[in-house]
Amino acid sequence: MFCPTTTIDTIVESDGKRWLERMRWGLVPSWWSKPLKELKLATFNARAETVATKPFFRGPFKRNRCLIPLSGYFEWQDTPSGKQP
C-alpha cells in the first residue's frame, strides 16, 4: 500500500527510452526551495476533472508524466471512528 510521501517505483520516458526510477509520491513544485518536510501542501490529490486547469498541477500535468505500476487503489472514507481506507 502506498501513501503520500512514500518512495515508490515509477516508469519514466525520455528520448523514446523507458526506465524504472524511484520517486517520492506527490508533487514537489519546481519553485519549492525549502526542505521537503516543510511542504505542507496536499500535492497528491489532483482531480481528473481539473488537473489540466488548476495552476498548481497544470504545468507538471502537461510536461512531466510517469507510470506508476499498481494493482488497485482506495479512497479514504470518513466514519464515526475516524478515516478508513
PDB file of N, CA and C in Angstrom:
ATOM      1  N   MET A   1       0.850  -1.169   0.000  1.00  0.00           N
ATOM      2  CA  MET A   1       0.000   0.000   0.000  1.00  0.00           C
ATOM      3  C   MET A   1       0.899   1.236   0.000  1.00  0.00           C
ATOM      4  N   PHE A   2       0.582   2.182  -0.867  1.00  0.00           N
ATOM      5  CA  PHE A   2       1.338   3.423  -0.951  1.00  0.00           C
ATOM      6  C   PHE A   2       0.548   4.533  -0.266  1.00  0.00           C
ATOM      7  N   CYS A   3       1.251   5.486   0.257  1.00  0.00           N
ATOM      8  CA  CYS A   3       0.605   6.669   0.789  1.00  0.00           C
ATOM      9  C   CYS A   3       1.478   7.874   0.448  1.00  0.00           C
ATOM     10  N   PRO A   4       0.948   9.074   0.528  1.00  0.00           N
ATOM     11  CA  PRO A   4       1.729  10.250   0.184  1.00  0.00           C
ATOM     12  C   PRO A   4       3.060  10.301   0.910  1.00  0.00           C
ATOM     13  N   THR A   5       4.059  10.737   0.227  1.00  0.00           N
ATOM     14  CA  THR A   5       5.466  10.874   0.638  1.00  0.00           C
ATOM     15  C   THR A   5       6.229   9.556   0.649  1.00  0.00           C
ATOM     16  N   THR A   6       5.584   8.428   0.361  1.00  0.00           N
ATOM     17  CA  THR A   6       6.277   7.152   0.263  1.00  0.00           C
ATOM     18  C   THR A   6       7.159   7.156  -0.984  1.00  0.00           C
ATOM     19  N   THR A   7       8.300   6.504  -0.931  1.00  0.00           N
ATOM     20  CA  THR A   7       9.134   6.333  -2.117  1.00  0.00           C
ATOM     21  C   THR A   7       8.610   5.121  -2.874  1.00  0.00           C
ATOM     22  N   ILE A   8       8.311   5.316  -4.170  1.00  0.00           N
ATOM     23  CA  ILE A   8       7.696   4.270  -4.979  1.00  0.00           C
ATOM     24  C   ILE A   8       8.459   4.081  -6.284  1.00  0.00           C
ATOM     25  N   ASP A   9       8.227   2.934  -6.941  1.00  0.00           N
ATOM     26  CA  ASP A   9       8.790   2.690  -8.265  1.00  0.00           C
ATOM     27  C   ASP A   9       7.906   3.351  -9.306  1.00  0.00           C
ATOM     28  N   THR A  10       8.518   4.021 -10.270  1.00  0.00           N
ATOM     29  CA  THR A  10       7.792   4.620 -11.381  1.00  0.00           C
ATOM     30  C   THR A  10       8.507   4.252 -12.681  1.00  0.00           C
ATOM     31  N   ILE A  11       7.819   4.392 -13.782  1.00  0.00           N
ATOM     32  CA  ILE A  11       8.417   4.200 -15.095  1.00  0.00           C
ATOM     33  C   ILE A  11       8.393   5.553 -15.789  1.00  0.00           C
ATOM     34  N   VAL A  12       9.570   6.031 -16.170  1.00  0.00           N
ATOM     35  CA  VAL A  12       9.681   7.322 -16.845  1.00  0.00           C
ATOM     36  C   VAL A  12      10.211   7.123 -18.255  1.00  0.00           C
ATOM     37  N   GLU A  13       9.966   8.106 -19.126  1.00  0.00           N
ATOM     38  CA  GLU A  13      10.403   8.017 -20.512  1.00  0.00           C
ATOM     39  C   GLU A  13      11.074   9.312 -20.926  1.00  0.00           C
ATOM     40  N   SER A  14      12.138   9.174 -21.696  1.00  0.00           N
ATOM     41  CA  SER A  14      12.826  10.311 -22.283  1.00  0.00           C
ATOM     42  C   SER A  14      13.521   9.832 -23.538  1.00  0.00           C
ATOM     43  N   ASP A  15      13.421  10.598 -24.596  1.00  0.00           N
ATOM     44  CA  ASP A  15      14.045  10.253 -25.883  1.00  0.00           C
ATOM     45  C   ASP A  15      13.647   8.865 -26.361  1.00  0.00           C
ATOM     46  N   GLY A  16      12.395   8.473 -26.120  1.00  0.00           N
ATOM     47  CA  GLY A  16      11.895   7.190 -26.592  1.00  0.00           C
ATOM     48  C   GLY A  16      12.344   5.985 -25.784  1.00  0.00           C
ATOM     49  N   LYS A  17      13.050   6.208 -24.679  1.00  0.00           N
ATOM     50  CA  LYS A  17      13.505   5.098 -23.825  1.00  0.00           C
ATOM     51  C   LYS A  17      12.814   5.194 -22.480  1.00  0.00           C
ATOM     52  N   ARG A  18      12.467   4.033 -21.924  1.00  0.00           N
ATOM     53  CA  ARG A  18      11.815   3.964 -20.616  1.00  0.00           C
ATOM     54  C   ARG A  18      12.721   3.279 -19.607  1.00  0.00           C
ATOM     55  N   TRP A  19      12.624   3.708 -18.349  1.00  0.00           N
ATOM     56  CA  TRP A  19      13.386   3.064 -17.284  1.00  0.00           C
ATOM     57  C   TRP A  19      12.640   3.211 -15.962  1.00  0.00           C
ATOM     58  N   LEU A  20      13.022   2.363 -15.029  1.00  0.00           N
ATOM     59  CA  LEU A  20      12.438   2.357 -13.686  1.00  0.00           C
ATOM     60  C   LEU A  20      13.188   3.375 -12.829  1.00  0.00           C
ATOM     61  N   GLU A  21      12.441   4.210 -12.133  1.00  0.00           N
ATOM     62  CA  GLU A  21      13.055   5.202 -11.264  1.00  0.00           C
ATOM     63  C   GLU A  21      12.252   5.314  -9.976  1.00  0.00           C
ATOM     64  N   ARG A  22      12.943   5.409  -8.844  1.00  0.00           N
ATOM     65  CA  ARG A  22      12.284   5.582  -7.552  1.00  0.00           C
ATOM     66  C   ARG A  22      11.991   7.063  -7.358  1.00  0.00           C
ATOM     67  N   MET A  23      10.745   7.360  -6.950  1.00  0.00           N
ATOM     68  CA  MET A  23      10.337   8.742  -6.721  1.00  0.00           C
ATOM     69  C   MET A  23       9.495   8.854  -5.463  1.00  0.00           C
ATOM     70  N   ARG A  24       9.366  10.075  -4.981  1.00  0.00           N
ATOM     71  CA  ARG A  24       8.512  10.382  -3.835  1.00  0.00           C
ATOM     72  C   ARG A  24       7.085  10.558  -4.347  1.00  0.00           C
ATOM     73  N   TRP A  25       6.117   9.889  -3.711  1.00  0.00           N
ATOM     74  CA  TRP A  25       4.712  10.009  -4.107  1.00  0.00           C
ATOM     75  C   TRP A  25       4.234  11.406  -3.749  1.00  0.00           C
ATOM     76  N   GLY A  26       3.833  12.172  -4.741  1.00  0.00           N
ATOM     77  CA  GLY A  26       3.352  13.534  -4.555  1.00  0.00           C
ATOM     78  C   GLY A  26       4.091  14.477  -5.487  1.00  0.00           C
ATOM     79  N   LEU A  27       3.619  15.682  -5.575  1.00  0.00           N
ATOM     80  CA  LEU A  27       4.210  16.682  -6.445  1.00  0.00           C
ATOM     81  C   LEU A  27       5.000  17.680  -5.619  1.00  0.00           C
ATOM     82  N   VAL A  28       6.271  17.842  -5.947  1.00  0.00           N
ATOM     83  CA  VAL A  28       7.097  18.865  -5.323  1.00  0.00           C
ATOM     84  C   VAL A  28       7.200  20.001  -6.340  1.00  0.00           C
ATOM     85  N   PRO A  29       6.630  21.158  -6.038  1.00  0.00           N
ATOM     86  CA  PRO A  29       6.647  22.254  -7.003  1.00  0.00           C
ATOM     87  C   PRO A  29       8.077  22.649  -7.387  1.00  0.00           C
ATOM     88  N   SER A  30       8.263  23.031  -8.638  1.00  0.00           N
ATOM     89  CA  SER A  30       9.603  23.405  -9.117  1.00  0.00           C
ATOM     90  C   SER A  30      10.145  24.615  -8.368  1.00  0.00           C
ATOM     91  N   TRP A  31       9.267  25.457  -7.847  1.00  0.00           N
ATOM     92  CA  TRP A  31       9.699  26.656  -7.141  1.00  0.00           C
ATOM     93  C   TRP A  31       9.982  26.408  -5.658  1.00  0.00           C
ATOM     94  N   TRP A  32       9.757  25.190  -5.153  1.00  0.00           N
ATOM     95  CA  TRP A  32       9.948  24.888  -3.731  1.00  0.00           C
ATOM     96  C   TRP A  32      11.429  24.766  -3.428  1.00  0.00           C
ATOM     97  N   SER A  33      11.942  25.568  -2.485  1.00  0.00           N
ATOM     98  CA  SER A  33      13.375  25.537  -2.168  1.00  0.00           C
ATOM     99  C   SER A  33      13.663  25.103  -0.732  1.00  0.00           C
ATOM    100  N   LYS A  34      12.631  24.959   0.085  1.00  0.00           N
ATOM    101  CA  LYS A  34      12.807  24.550   1.479  1.00  0.00           C
ATOM    102  C   LYS A  34      12.885  23.029   1.568  1.00  0.00           C
ATOM    103  N   PRO A  35      13.273  22.483   2.734  1.00  0.00           N
ATOM    104  CA  PRO A  35      13.287  21.029   2.899  1.00  0.00           C
ATOM    105  C   PRO A  35      11.897  20.425   2.673  1.00  0.00           C
ATOM    106  N   LEU A  36      11.848  19.203   2.150  1.00  0.00           N
ATOM    107  CA  LEU A  36      10.571  18.547   1.855  1.00  0.00           C
ATOM    108  C   LEU A  36       9.688  18.405   3.088  1.00  0.00           C
ATOM    109  N   LYS A  37      10.292  18.262   4.260  1.00  0.00           N
ATOM    110  CA  LYS A  37       9.498  18.105   5.484  1.00  0.00           C
ATOM    111  C   LYS A  37       8.652  19.334   5.769  1.00  0.00           C
ATOM    112  N   GLU A  38       9.009  20.475   5.189  1.00  0.00           N
ATOM    113  CA  GLU A  38       8.249  21.699   5.405  1.00  0.00           C
ATOM    114  C   GLU A  38       7.124  21.881   4.381  1.00  0.00           C
ATOM    115  N   LEU A  39       7.026  20.988   3.420  1.00  0.00           N
ATOM    116  CA  LEU A  39       5.982  21.075   2.401  1.00  0.00           C
ATOM    117  C   LEU A  39       4.678  20.568   2.985  1.00  0.00           C
ATOM    118  N   LYS A  40       3.775  21.463   3.307  1.00  0.00           N
ATOM    119  CA  LYS A  40       2.516  21.109   3.965  1.00  0.00           C
ATOM    120  C   LYS A  40       1.340  21.067   2.991  1.00  0.00           C
ATOM    121  N   LEU A  41       1.586  21.318   1.719  1.00  0.00           N
ATOM    122  CA  LEU A  41       0.508  21.330   0.729  1.00  0.00           C
ATOM    123  C   LEU A  41       0.078  19.909   0.376  1.00  0.00           C
ATOM    124  N   ALA A  42      -1.179  19.728   0.060  1.00  0.00           N
ATOM    125  CA  ALA A  42      -1.686  18.429  -0.406  1.00  0.00           C
ATOM    126  C   ALA A  42      -1.376  18.319  -1.891  1.00  0.00           C
ATOM    127  N   THR A  43      -0.215  17.790  -2.207  1.00  0.00           N
ATOM    128  CA  THR A  43       0.263  17.768  -3.591  1.00  0.00           C
ATOM    129  C   THR A  43       0.083  16.413  -4.252  1.00  0.00           C
ATOM    130  N   PHE A  44      -0.881  15.635  -3.808  1.00  0.00           N
ATOM    131  CA  PHE A  44      -1.056  14.293  -4.343  1.00  0.00           C
ATOM    132  C   PHE A  44      -2.496  14.006  -4.730  1.00  0.00           C
ATOM    133  N   ASN A  45      -3.380  14.948  -4.559  1.00  0.00           N
ATOM    134  CA  ASN A  45      -4.796  14.717  -4.821  1.00  0.00           C
ATOM    135  C   ASN A  45      -5.322  15.579  -5.963  1.00  0.00           C
ATOM    136  N   ALA A  46      -4.746  15.455  -7.116  1.00  0.00           N
ATOM    137  CA  ALA A  46      -5.270  16.174  -8.276  1.00  0.00           C
ATOM    138  C   ALA A  46      -6.524  15.457  -8.755  1.00  0.00           C
ATOM    139  N   ARG A  47      -7.524  16.205  -9.108  1.00  0.00           N
ATOM    140  CA  ARG A  47      -8.764  15.621  -9.639  1.00  0.00           C
ATOM    141  C   ARG A  47      -8.688  15.586 -11.155  1.00  0.00           C
ATOM    142  N   ALA A  48      -9.128  14.492 -11.734  1.00  0.00           N
ATOM    143  CA  ALA A  48      -9.075  14.321 -13.185  1.00  0.00           C
ATOM    144  C   ALA A  48      -9.815  15.444 -13.902  1.00  0.00           C
ATOM    145  N   GLU A  49     -10.885  15.933 -13.304  1.00  0.00           N
ATOM    146  CA  GLU A  49     -11.707  16.971 -13.946  1.00  0.00           C
ATOM    147  C   GLU A  49     -10.988  18.314 -14.041  1.00  0.00           C
ATOM    148  N   THR A  50     -10.038  18.586 -13.137  1.00  0.00           N
ATOM    149  CA  THR A  50      -9.425  19.916 -13.087  1.00  0.00           C
ATOM    150  C   THR A  50      -7.897  19.912 -13.173  1.00  0.00           C
ATOM    151  N   VAL A  51      -7.276  18.761 -13.305  1.00  0.00           N
ATOM    152  CA  VAL A  51      -5.812  18.695 -13.274  1.00  0.00           C
ATOM    153  C   VAL A  51      -5.171  19.526 -14.392  1.00  0.00           C
ATOM    154  N   ALA A  52      -5.812  19.645 -15.529  1.00  0.00           N
ATOM    155  CA  ALA A  52      -5.246  20.409 -16.652  1.00  0.00           C
ATOM    156  C   ALA A  52      -5.466  21.913 -16.515  1.00  0.00           C
ATOM    157  N   THR A  53      -6.312  22.333 -15.576  1.00  0.00           N
ATOM    158  CA  THR A  53      -6.624  23.759 -15.464  1.00  0.00           C
ATOM    159  C   THR A  53      -6.190  24.403 -14.150  1.00  0.00           C
ATOM    160  N   LYS A  54      -6.067  23.641 -13.082  1.00  0.00           N
ATOM    161  CA  LYS A  54      -5.643  24.219 -11.804  1.00  0.00           C
ATOM    162  C   LYS A  54      -4.182  24.654 -11.889  1.00  0.00           C
ATOM    163  N   PRO A  55      -3.854  25.877 -11.479  1.00  0.00           N
ATOM    164  CA  PRO A  55      -2.487  26.383 -11.626  1.00  0.00           C
ATOM    165  C   PRO A  55      -1.401  25.497 -11.007  1.00  0.00           C
ATOM    166  N   PHE A  56      -1.680  24.882  -9.867  1.00  0.00           N
ATOM    167  CA  PHE A  56      -0.661  24.069  -9.195  1.00  0.00           C
ATOM    168  C   PHE A  56      -0.272  22.843 -10.011  1.00  0.00           C
ATOM    169  N   PHE A  57      -1.230  22.203 -10.680  1.00  0.00           N
ATOM    170  CA  PHE A  57      -0.982  20.958 -11.401  1.00  0.00           C
ATOM    171  C   PHE A  57      -0.838  21.141 -12.909  1.00  0.00           C
ATOM    172  N   ARG A  58      -1.300  22.249 -13.448  1.00  0.00           N
ATOM    173  CA  ARG A  58      -1.380  22.457 -14.901  1.00  0.00           C
ATOM    174  C   ARG A  58      -0.051  22.232 -15.619  1.00  0.00           C
ATOM    175  N   GLY A  59       1.029  22.879 -15.185  1.00  0.00           N
ATOM    176  CA  GLY A  59       2.333  22.746 -15.841  1.00  0.00           C
ATOM    177  C   GLY A  59       2.893  21.333 -15.769  1.00  0.00           C
ATOM    178  N   PRO A  60       3.010  20.764 -14.585  1.00  0.00           N
ATOM    179  CA  PRO A  60       3.524  19.393 -14.493  1.00  0.00           C
ATOM    180  C   PRO A  60       2.663  18.382 -15.255  1.00  0.00           C
ATOM    181  N   PHE A  61       1.345  18.580 -15.273  1.00  0.00           N
ATOM    182  CA  PHE A  61       0.460  17.665 -15.999  1.00  0.00           C
ATOM    183  C   PHE A  61       0.768  17.680 -17.490  1.00  0.00           C
ATOM    184  N   LYS A  62       1.076  18.843 -18.035  1.00  0.00           N
ATOM    185  CA  LYS A  62       1.364  18.951 -19.463  1.00  0.00           C
ATOM    186  C   LYS A  62       2.771  18.469 -19.822  1.00  0.00           C
ATOM    187  N   ARG A  63       3.742  18.642 -18.925  1.00  0.00           N
ATOM    188  CA  ARG A  63       5.145  18.393 -19.270  1.00  0.00           C
ATOM    189  C   ARG A  63       5.780  17.152 -18.648  1.00  0.00           C
ATOM    190  N   ASN A  64       5.367  16.767 -17.468  1.00  0.00           N
ATOM    191  CA  ASN A  64       6.061  15.697 -16.732  1.00  0.00           C
ATOM    192  C   ASN A  64       5.087  14.588 -16.397  1.00  0.00           C
ATOM    193  N   ARG A  65       5.342  13.414 -16.936  1.00  0.00           N
ATOM    194  CA  ARG A  65       4.470  12.271 -16.670  1.00  0.00           C
ATOM    195  C   ARG A  65       5.310  11.064 -16.295  1.00  0.00           C
ATOM    196  N   CYS A  66       4.694  10.140 -15.584  1.00  0.00           N
ATOM    197  CA  CYS A  66       5.317   8.851 -15.306  1.00  0.00           C
ATOM    198  C   CYS A  66       4.206   7.817 -15.144  1.00  0.00           C
ATOM    199  N   LEU A  67       4.555   6.563 -15.261  1.00  0.00           N
ATOM    200  CA  LEU A  67       3.628   5.463 -14.997  1.00  0.00           C
ATOM    201  C   LEU A  67       3.918   4.932 -13.609  1.00  0.00           C
ATOM    202  N   ILE A  68       2.860   4.589 -12.884  1.00  0.00           N
ATOM    203  CA  ILE A  68       3.013   4.014 -11.554  1.00  0.00           C
ATOM    204  C   ILE A  68       2.377   2.631 -11.583  1.00  0.00           C
ATOM    205  N   PRO A  69       3.208   1.582 -11.580  1.00  0.00           N
ATOM    206  CA  PRO A  69       2.652   0.228 -11.600  1.00  0.00           C
ATOM    207  C   PRO A  69       1.923  -0.069 -10.285  1.00  0.00           C
ATOM    208  N   LEU A  70       0.661  -0.484 -10.384  1.00  0.00           N
ATOM    209  CA  LEU A  70      -0.100  -0.849  -9.188  1.00  0.00           C
ATOM    210  C   LEU A  70      -1.220  -1.787  -9.568  1.00  0.00           C
ATOM    211  N   SER A  71      -1.828  -2.384  -8.571  1.00  0.00           N
ATOM    212  CA  SER A  71      -2.882  -3.360  -8.825  1.00  0.00           C
ATOM    213  C   SER A  71      -4.249  -2.898  -8.306  1.00  0.00           C
ATOM    214  N   GLY A  72      -4.321  -1.723  -7.712  1.00  0.00           N
ATOM    215  CA  GLY A  72      -5.587  -1.214  -7.205  1.00  0.00           C
ATOM    216  C   GLY A  72      -5.370   0.081  -6.451  1.00  0.00           C
ATOM    217  N   TYR A  73      -6.435   0.637  -5.942  1.00  0.00           N
ATOM    218  CA  TYR A  73      -6.351   1.862  -5.154  1.00  0.00           C
ATOM    219  C   TYR A  73      -7.531   1.927  -4.198  1.00  0.00           C
ATOM    220  N   PHE A  74      -7.482   2.853  -3.266  1.00  0.00           N
ATOM    221  CA  PHE A  74      -8.605   3.058  -2.370  1.00  0.00           C
ATOM    222  C   PHE A  74      -8.733   4.539  -2.085  1.00  0.00           C
ATOM    223  N   GLU A  75      -9.896   4.938  -1.632  1.00  0.00           N
ATOM    224  CA  GLU A  75     -10.131   6.301  -1.192  1.00  0.00           C
ATOM    225  C   GLU A  75     -10.509   6.263   0.280  1.00  0.00           C
ATOM    226  N   TRP A  76     -10.052   7.239   1.016  1.00  0.00           N
ATOM    227  CA  TRP A  76     -10.369   7.321   2.435  1.00  0.00           C
ATOM    228  C   TRP A  76     -11.815   7.756   2.615  1.00  0.00           C
ATOM    229  N   GLN A  77     -12.490   7.134   3.561  1.00  0.00           N
ATOM    230  CA  GLN A  77     -13.880   7.455   3.886  1.00  0.00           C
ATOM    231  C   GLN A  77     -13.946   7.962   5.323  1.00  0.00           C
ATOM    232  N   ASP A  78     -14.716   9.014   5.538  1.00  0.00           N
ATOM    233  CA  ASP A  78     -14.939   9.491   6.900  1.00  0.00           C
ATOM    234  C   ASP A  78     -15.964   8.575   7.581  1.00  0.00           C
ATOM    235  N   THR A  79     -15.607   8.048   8.737  1.00  0.00           N
ATOM    236  CA  THR A  79     -16.515   7.200   9.511  1.00  0.00           C
ATOM    237  C   THR A  79     -16.597   7.774  10.922  1.00  0.00           C
ATOM    238  N   PRO A  80     -17.574   7.372  11.717  1.00  0.00           N
ATOM    239  CA  PRO A  80     -17.658   7.861  13.101  1.00  0.00           C
ATOM    240  C   PRO A  80     -16.399   7.569  13.911  1.00  0.00           C
ATOM    241  N   SER A  81     -15.683   6.489  13.564  1.00  0.00           N
ATOM    242  CA  SER A  81     -14.475   6.144  14.316  1.00  0.00           C
ATOM    243  C   SER A  81     -13.204   6.721  13.683  1.00  0.00           C
ATOM    244  N   GLY A  82     -13.340   7.548  12.654  1.00  0.00           N
ATOM    245  CA  GLY A  82     -12.175   8.148  12.001  1.00  0.00           C
ATOM    246  C   GLY A  82     -12.115   7.736  10.537  1.00  0.00           C
ATOM    247  N   LYS A  83     -11.103   8.197   9.864  1.00  0.00           N
ATOM    248  CA  LYS A  83     -10.957   7.881   8.441  1.00  0.00           C
ATOM    249  C   LYS A  83     -10.500   6.439   8.249  1.00  0.00           C
ATOM    250  N   GLN A  84     -11.098   5.782   7.266  1.00  0.00           N
ATOM    251  CA  GLN A  84     -10.783   4.383   6.950  1.00  0.00           C
ATOM    252  C   GLN A  84     -10.561   4.253   5.441  1.00  0.00           C
ATOM    253  N   PRO A  85      -9.565   3.419   5.052  1.00  0.00           N
ATOM    254  CA  PRO A  85      -9.387   3.205   3.602  1.00  0.00           C
ATOM    255  C   PRO A  85     -10.510   2.365   3.022  1.00  0.00           C
TER     256      PRO A  85
END
